[in-house]
Amino acid sequence: MKRKIIKQGHNTLTLTIPSKWAKKYSLNAGDEIELMEQENALIINTSKSKSLSSTTLDLRGSSLTYLWRSLISAYRSGYDEITVQFDKSPKKGMYTGFGYNNLQPLFSKGIVDLSPIEAIQALVNRLIGVEIIDQKESYCVIKEMGETTYKEFDNALRRMFLLILNMADECFDGYAHENREPLKQIHLIDTNLDRFEDFCLRVLNKIGYKNCRKTPVMHNIIFLLEMVGDEYKKLALHFLEYKVKPNNYMVKEFEIQKNQLRRFYELFYIFSHKKAAEIYESDQKGDHFLNMHYARFTNHEKEIIHHFKKIGIFVLSLTELRIDLET
């Protein structure tokens, strides 16, 4: 759309903003907005979130897995109120997210039965800023209990980094020093990581990144960080299940991956081309080290290496995205 520049006074130029956009973000006279200069573009940004009002999810006949995923998607999308319709049947199912990946280390049988409303409540408990405000036999209403603003985004993102670094340290200690007990808590760290991931994606979908043109880039960064956390969670479960004995070459490979992750953390907050280049160079050195000693590893150790390789790929992808964020 085009707008004409209006001259007011001797040196003041003004520009009107589209009324539809102003209404969408509830902007009124006197409200503050952010202006960003990018070459020949002037970007107007507001800290107010766009209201998506309410939505209804008809999940009758759906598995708990699909119910879980649908509810998370609605939360991430930024809806202020979500009505979830589910089956009245008392039949209980088992969502795998509550089994092997999350709760198995805490239960000897590794089985937890959940009804639909129990699964919804368990999910809402780990979502930031929303609560169940109404609950009936076949539906419930989930509502945001406050306005989502951008100011919490940076803290949530920093928390994601710190949780992943903590997971890496715990896994390394569990393997290198055979300290298994803390590994049983990795699923709790991962659950917190998921909470902050979902919240960050919600903020991006409701408000956008501070540089709105880079919102898709930041979206991918957050998604990949969560995937790195998943790999460390799988490593912890592997160490608990198989009680793999430490191998000096594996310890070295583990340290390489840990150092790469920390390099990216430092790169993200203090960008430099030198640091970015170091990540790529270190990845090549890590591959060379792995190829030299691959024959020394057992089958169980090769499964661990598979997770290391995935983490390495994710870190390289994150580095590429960080460069995109800078340009």
Protein backbone atom coordinates (compact mmCIF):
# COMPACT_ATOMS: atom_id res chain seq x y z
CA MET A 1 0.00 0.00 0.00
CA LYS A 2 1.08 3.59 -0.58
CA ARG A 3 0.87 6.58 1.74
CA LYS A 4 1.53 10.28 1.10
CA ILE A 5 3.94 12.19 3.30
CA ILE A 6 2.30 15.19 4.95
CA LYS A 7 4.25 18.30 5.87
CA GLN A 8 3.45 19.85 9.24
CA GLY A 9 5.25 23.02 10.24
CA HIS A 10 8.65 23.89 8.82
CA ASN A 11 10.63 20.68 9.43
CA THR A 12 8.14 17.96 10.40
CA LEU A 13 6.96 15.24 8.06
CA THR A 14 4.17 12.86 9.13
CA LEU A 15 2.76 9.64 7.74
CA THR A 16 -0.54 7.94 8.51
CA ILE A 17 -0.65 4.25 9.41
CA PRO A 18 -3.36 1.89 8.10
CA SER A 19 -6.43 1.94 10.36
CA LYS A 20 -6.85 -1.84 9.99
CA TRP A 21 -3.35 -2.41 11.34
CA ALA A 22 -3.92 0.05 14.19
CA LYS A 23 -7.14 -1.73 15.20
CA LYS A 24 -5.49 -5.13 14.96
CA TYR A 25 -2.94 -4.12 17.60
CA SER A 26 -5.31 -1.84 19.58
CA LEU A 27 -3.18 1.24 18.93
CA ASN A 28 -4.43 4.59 20.15
CA ALA A 29 -3.19 8.19 20.15
CA GLY A 30 -0.27 8.49 22.58
CA ASP A 31 0.87 4.85 22.28
CA GLU A 32 4.56 4.29 21.60
CA ILE A 33 5.85 2.29 18.65
CA GLU A 34 9.35 1.27 17.56
CA LEU A 35 10.87 2.60 14.31
CA MET A 36 13.81 0.74 12.74
CA GLU A 37 15.83 2.06 9.83
CA GLN A 38 17.05 -0.58 7.38
CA GLU A 39 18.63 1.02 4.31
CA ASN A 40 15.70 2.41 2.27
CA ALA A 41 13.08 0.78 4.52
CA LEU A 42 11.50 2.14 7.69
CA ILE A 43 9.99 -0.63 9.79
CA ILE A 44 7.24 0.15 12.30
CA ASN A 45 6.92 -2.31 15.16
CA THR A 46 4.63 -2.44 18.17
CA SER A 47 5.22 -4.28 21.42
CA LYS A 48 1.52 -5.09 21.61
CA SER A 49 0.50 -8.58 20.62
CA LYS A 50 -2.13 -9.23 18.03
CA SER A 51 -5.22 -10.83 19.48
CA LEU A 52 -6.29 -14.07 17.84
CA SER A 53 -9.29 -14.17 20.16
CA SER A 54 -10.50 -17.75 20.55
CA THR A 55 -10.53 -21.07 18.77
CA THR A 56 -12.20 -24.43 19.28
CA LEU A 57 -10.37 -27.72 18.82
CA ASP A 58 -12.75 -30.60 18.14
CA LEU A 59 -10.54 -33.52 19.14
CA ARG A 60 -13.22 -36.11 19.75
CA GLY A 61 -12.04 -39.45 18.45
CA SER A 62 -8.42 -38.31 18.39
CA SER A 63 -5.53 -40.09 20.04
CA LEU A 64 -3.86 -38.42 23.01
CA THR A 65 -0.80 -37.92 20.83
CA TYR A 66 -2.79 -35.85 18.32
CA LEU A 67 -4.67 -34.03 21.09
CA TRP A 68 -1.36 -33.06 22.66
CA ARG A 69 0.14 -31.81 19.41
CA SER A 70 -2.98 -29.86 18.42
CA LEU A 71 -3.16 -28.06 21.75
CA ILE A 72 0.52 -27.10 21.63
CA SER A 73 0.04 -25.73 18.09
CA ALA A 74 -2.91 -23.59 19.21
CA TYR A 75 -0.87 -22.27 22.15
CA ARG A 76 2.13 -21.47 19.96
CA SER A 77 -0.12 -19.74 17.42
CA GLY A 78 -1.09 -17.21 20.09
CA TYR A 79 -4.79 -17.83 20.74
CA ASP A 80 -6.03 -16.09 23.87
CA GLU A 81 -8.71 -18.69 24.56
CA ILE A 82 -8.77 -22.33 23.48
CA THR A 83 -11.78 -24.61 23.88
CA VAL A 84 -10.88 -28.30 23.65
CA GLN A 85 -13.59 -30.86 22.96
CA PHE A 86 -12.70 -34.45 23.82
CA ASP A 87 -14.33 -37.86 24.29
CA LYS A 88 -16.49 -38.56 27.34
CA SER A 89 -15.27 -42.15 27.37
CA PRO A 90 -13.36 -43.06 30.54
CA LYS A 91 -11.02 -45.17 28.42
CA LYS A 92 -7.45 -44.11 29.04
CA GLY A 93 -4.59 -44.10 26.60
CA MET A 94 -0.91 -43.46 26.88
CA TYR A 95 0.83 -40.56 25.17
CA THR A 96 4.41 -41.60 24.50
CA GLY A 97 5.72 -38.25 25.68
CA PHE A 98 4.84 -39.36 29.20
CA GLY A 99 6.47 -42.75 28.79
CA TYR A 100 9.91 -43.68 27.61
CA ASN A 101 11.07 -40.18 26.78
CA ASN A 102 9.96 -38.41 29.95
CA LEU A 103 8.85 -40.49 32.91
CA GLN A 104 10.32 -43.97 32.53
CA PRO A 105 13.34 -43.22 34.77
CA LEU A 106 10.94 -42.38 37.60
CA PHE A 107 8.64 -45.42 37.40
CA SER A 108 9.76 -49.02 37.62
CA LYS A 109 7.03 -50.20 35.23
CA GLY A 110 7.40 -47.22 32.93
CA ILE A 111 3.61 -46.96 32.47
CA VAL A 112 1.39 -44.01 33.28
CA ASP A 113 -2.27 -44.07 32.17
CA LEU A 114 -3.89 -40.73 31.42
CA SER A 115 -7.42 -39.72 30.45
CA PRO A 116 -7.85 -36.88 27.93
CA ILE A 117 -8.47 -34.24 30.60
CA GLU A 118 -5.50 -35.50 32.63
CA ALA A 119 -3.28 -35.20 29.57
CA ILE A 120 -4.60 -31.68 28.88
CA GLN A 121 -4.06 -30.62 32.49
CA ALA A 122 -0.53 -32.04 32.45
CA LEU A 123 0.22 -30.04 29.30
CA VAL A 124 -1.35 -26.81 30.56
CA ASN A 125 0.73 -27.10 33.73
CA ARG A 126 3.88 -26.75 31.62
CA LEU A 127 2.60 -23.95 29.39
CA ILE A 128 3.53 -20.42 30.44
CA GLY A 129 0.77 -17.88 31.00
CA VAL A 130 -2.37 -19.99 30.50
CA GLU A 131 -4.76 -21.88 32.78
CA ILE A 132 -7.85 -24.07 32.54
CA ILE A 133 -10.72 -21.77 33.58
CA ASP A 134 -13.66 -24.09 32.85
CA GLN A 135 -13.90 -27.86 32.75
CA LYS A 136 -16.82 -30.16 31.93
CA GLU A 137 -17.28 -33.83 31.08
CA SER A 138 -16.44 -33.46 27.40
CA TYR A 139 -14.65 -30.11 27.05
CA CYS A 140 -12.47 -27.57 28.81
CA VAL A 141 -11.56 -23.93 28.23
CA ILE A 142 -7.95 -22.74 28.42
CA LYS A 143 -7.32 -19.00 28.69
CA GLU A 144 -4.35 -16.66 28.75
CA MET A 145 -4.05 -15.08 32.20
CA GLY A 146 -2.24 -11.91 31.19
CA GLU A 147 -0.92 -10.16 28.08
CA THR A 148 1.94 -11.74 26.17
CA THR A 149 4.67 -9.15 25.66
CA TYR A 150 8.09 -9.22 24.04
CA LYS A 151 9.98 -8.28 27.20
CA GLU A 152 9.87 -11.88 28.48
CA PHE A 153 11.19 -13.30 25.19
CA ASP A 154 14.90 -12.55 25.73
CA ASN A 155 14.88 -14.06 29.22
CA ALA A 156 13.09 -17.20 27.99
CA LEU A 157 15.55 -17.61 25.11
CA ARG A 158 18.55 -17.17 27.42
CA ARG A 159 17.01 -19.76 29.73
CA MET A 160 16.80 -22.23 26.83
CA PHE A 161 20.54 -21.87 26.22
CA LEU A 162 21.40 -22.35 29.89
CA LEU A 163 19.20 -25.44 30.18
CA ILE A 164 20.82 -27.05 27.12
CA LEU A 165 24.31 -26.32 28.44
CA ASN A 166 23.25 -27.85 31.75
CA MET A 167 21.96 -30.96 29.98
CA ALA A 168 25.28 -31.29 28.14
CA ASP A 169 27.24 -31.02 31.41
CA GLU A 170 25.03 -33.54 33.20
CA CYS A 171 25.30 -36.04 30.33
CA PHE A 172 29.06 -35.64 30.17
CA ASP A 173 29.41 -36.14 33.92
CA GLY A 174 27.06 -39.12 33.80
CA TYR A 175 29.19 -40.77 31.12
CA ALA A 176 32.77 -39.70 31.89
CA HIS A 177 32.47 -40.12 35.69
CA GLU A 178 29.67 -42.73 35.70
CA ASN A 179 27.51 -40.45 37.84
CA ARG A 180 24.14 -41.86 36.76
CA GLU A 181 21.80 -40.40 39.38
CA PRO A 182 21.54 -36.83 37.95
CA LEU A 183 20.70 -38.35 34.55
CA LYS A 184 17.30 -39.35 35.95
CA GLN A 185 16.44 -35.65 36.16
CA ILE A 186 17.31 -34.87 32.54
CA HIS A 187 13.67 -35.33 31.50
CA LEU A 188 12.70 -32.55 33.94
CA ILE A 189 15.28 -30.21 32.42
CA ASP A 190 13.97 -31.10 28.97
CA THR A 191 10.39 -30.37 30.06
CA ASN A 192 11.49 -26.89 31.17
CA LEU A 193 13.29 -26.46 27.85
CA ASP A 194 10.05 -27.33 26.03
CA ARG A 195 8.14 -24.79 28.16
CA PHE A 196 10.43 -21.97 27.11
CA GLU A 197 10.48 -23.13 23.50
CA ASP A 198 6.68 -23.10 23.29
CA PHE A 199 6.53 -19.69 24.97
CA CYS A 200 9.14 -18.18 22.62
CA LEU A 201 7.28 -19.49 19.58
CA ARG A 202 4.04 -18.06 20.98
CA VAL A 203 5.67 -14.64 21.35
CA LEU A 204 7.05 -14.77 17.82
CA ASN A 205 3.66 -15.71 16.38
CA LYS A 206 1.78 -13.05 18.37
CA ILE A 207 4.29 -10.21 18.21
CA GLY A 208 7.23 -11.18 16.00
CA TYR A 209 10.96 -10.77 16.50
CA LYS A 210 12.36 -7.29 17.24
CA ASN A 211 13.54 -7.23 13.63
CA CYS A 212 10.30 -8.48 12.08
CA ARG A 213 12.04 -9.46 8.84
CA LYS A 214 14.11 -11.97 10.83
CA THR A 215 11.16 -13.61 12.61
CA PRO A 216 11.32 -16.82 10.50
CA VAL A 217 15.07 -17.10 11.20
CA MET A 218 14.53 -16.82 14.95
CA HIS A 219 11.68 -19.31 14.75
CA ASN A 220 14.05 -21.89 13.22
CA ILE A 221 16.76 -21.15 15.81
CA ILE A 222 14.37 -21.87 18.68
CA PHE A 223 13.12 -25.05 17.03
CA LEU A 224 16.66 -26.36 16.49
CA LEU A 225 17.69 -25.54 20.07
CA GLU A 226 14.86 -27.74 21.30
CA MET A 227 16.04 -30.55 19.01
CA VAL A 228 19.54 -30.30 20.50
CA GLY A 229 17.95 -30.74 23.93
CA ASP A 230 16.11 -33.84 22.69
CA GLU A 231 19.39 -35.42 21.62
CA TYR A 232 20.91 -34.89 25.07
CA LYS A 233 17.77 -36.37 26.64
CA LYS A 234 18.18 -39.46 24.45
CA LEU A 235 21.85 -39.69 25.42
CA ALA A 236 20.91 -39.61 29.10
CA LEU A 237 18.37 -42.40 28.64
CA HIS A 238 20.94 -44.45 26.72
CA PHE A 239 23.49 -44.08 29.55
CA LEU A 240 20.87 -45.08 32.12
CA GLU A 241 19.69 -48.10 30.18
CA TYR A 242 22.99 -49.58 29.04
CA LYS A 243 25.41 -48.25 31.69
CA VAL A 244 28.09 -47.70 29.04
CA LYS A 245 31.62 -47.59 30.48
CA PRO A 246 33.67 -44.49 29.62
CA ASN A 247 36.16 -44.68 26.78
CA ASN A 248 38.90 -42.04 26.56
CA TYR A 249 38.25 -41.46 22.87
CA MET A 250 34.51 -41.09 23.50
CA VAL A 251 35.20 -38.66 26.34
CA LYS A 252 37.26 -36.58 23.92
CA GLU A 253 34.47 -36.64 21.31
CA PHE A 254 31.98 -35.65 24.00
CA GLU A 255 34.14 -32.68 24.95
CA ILE A 256 34.31 -31.62 21.31
CA GLN A 257 30.51 -31.48 21.09
CA LYS A 258 30.21 -29.65 24.42
CA ASN A 259 32.72 -27.04 23.29
CA GLN A 260 30.89 -26.57 20.00
CA LEU A 261 27.64 -25.93 21.81
CA ARG A 262 29.25 -23.35 24.09
CA ARG A 263 30.90 -21.68 21.10
CA PHE A 264 27.50 -21.21 19.52
CA TYR A 265 26.07 -19.83 22.77
CA GLU A 266 28.84 -17.22 22.85
CA LEU A 267 28.45 -16.52 19.14
CA PHE A 268 24.72 -15.95 19.49
CA TYR A 269 25.11 -13.18 22.05
CA ILE A 270 28.39 -11.67 20.84
CA PHE A 271 28.59 -12.23 17.11
CA SER A 272 31.87 -12.20 15.24
CA HIS A 273 32.90 -13.75 11.94
CA LYS A 274 35.95 -15.19 13.68
CA LYS A 275 33.83 -17.12 16.17
CA ALA A 276 31.55 -18.38 13.42
CA ALA A 277 34.56 -19.60 11.43
CA GLU A 278 35.90 -21.39 14.53
CA ILE A 279 32.70 -23.45 14.73
CA TYR A 280 33.11 -24.67 11.15
CA GLU A 281 36.82 -25.36 11.64
CA SER A 282 36.22 -27.25 14.89
CA ASP A 283 33.52 -29.34 13.22
CA GLN A 284 36.00 -30.46 10.57
CA LYS A 285 38.58 -31.32 13.25
CA GLY A 286 35.93 -33.28 15.15
CA ASP A 287 35.03 -35.28 12.04
CA HIS A 288 38.70 -36.04 11.45
CA PHE A 289 39.16 -37.22 15.05
CA LEU A 290 36.05 -39.40 14.81
CA ASN A 291 37.10 -41.02 11.54
CA MET A 292 40.55 -41.80 12.93
CA HIS A 293 39.19 -43.66 15.97
CA TYR A 294 35.82 -44.99 14.76
CA ALA A 295 37.02 -48.60 14.67
CA ARG A 296 37.77 -48.46 18.40
CA PHE A 297 34.11 -47.92 19.35
CA THR A 298 31.61 -50.60 20.37
CA ASN A 299 28.11 -50.78 18.91
CA HIS A 300 26.69 -49.01 21.96
CA GLU A 301 29.29 -46.27 21.59
CA LYS A 302 28.43 -45.91 17.92
CA GLU A 303 24.82 -45.25 18.95
CA ILE A 304 26.13 -42.44 21.15
CA ILE A 305 28.16 -41.11 18.23
CA HIS A 306 24.97 -41.04 16.16
CA HIS A 307 23.53 -38.53 18.66
CA PHE A 308 26.79 -36.56 18.63
CA LYS A 309 26.62 -36.29 14.84
CA LYS A 310 23.05 -35.01 14.98
CA ILE A 311 24.02 -32.42 17.59
CA GLY A 312 26.93 -31.37 15.38
CA ILE A 313 24.62 -30.94 12.37
CA PHE A 314 22.20 -28.88 14.46
CA VAL A 315 25.00 -26.63 15.73
CA LEU A 316 26.19 -25.98 12.16
CA SER A 317 22.61 -25.18 11.10
CA LEU A 318 22.24 -22.85 14.10
CA THR A 319 25.48 -21.12 13.13
CA GLU A 320 24.21 -20.59 9.60
CA LEU A 321 20.99 -19.11 10.98
CA ARG A 322 22.93 -16.84 13.33
CA ILE A 323 24.86 -15.49 10.36
CA ASP A 324 21.52 -14.93 8.61
CA LEU A 325 20.30 -13.07 11.68
CA GLU A 326 23.30 -10.76 11.46
CA THR A 327 23.04 -9.91 7.76
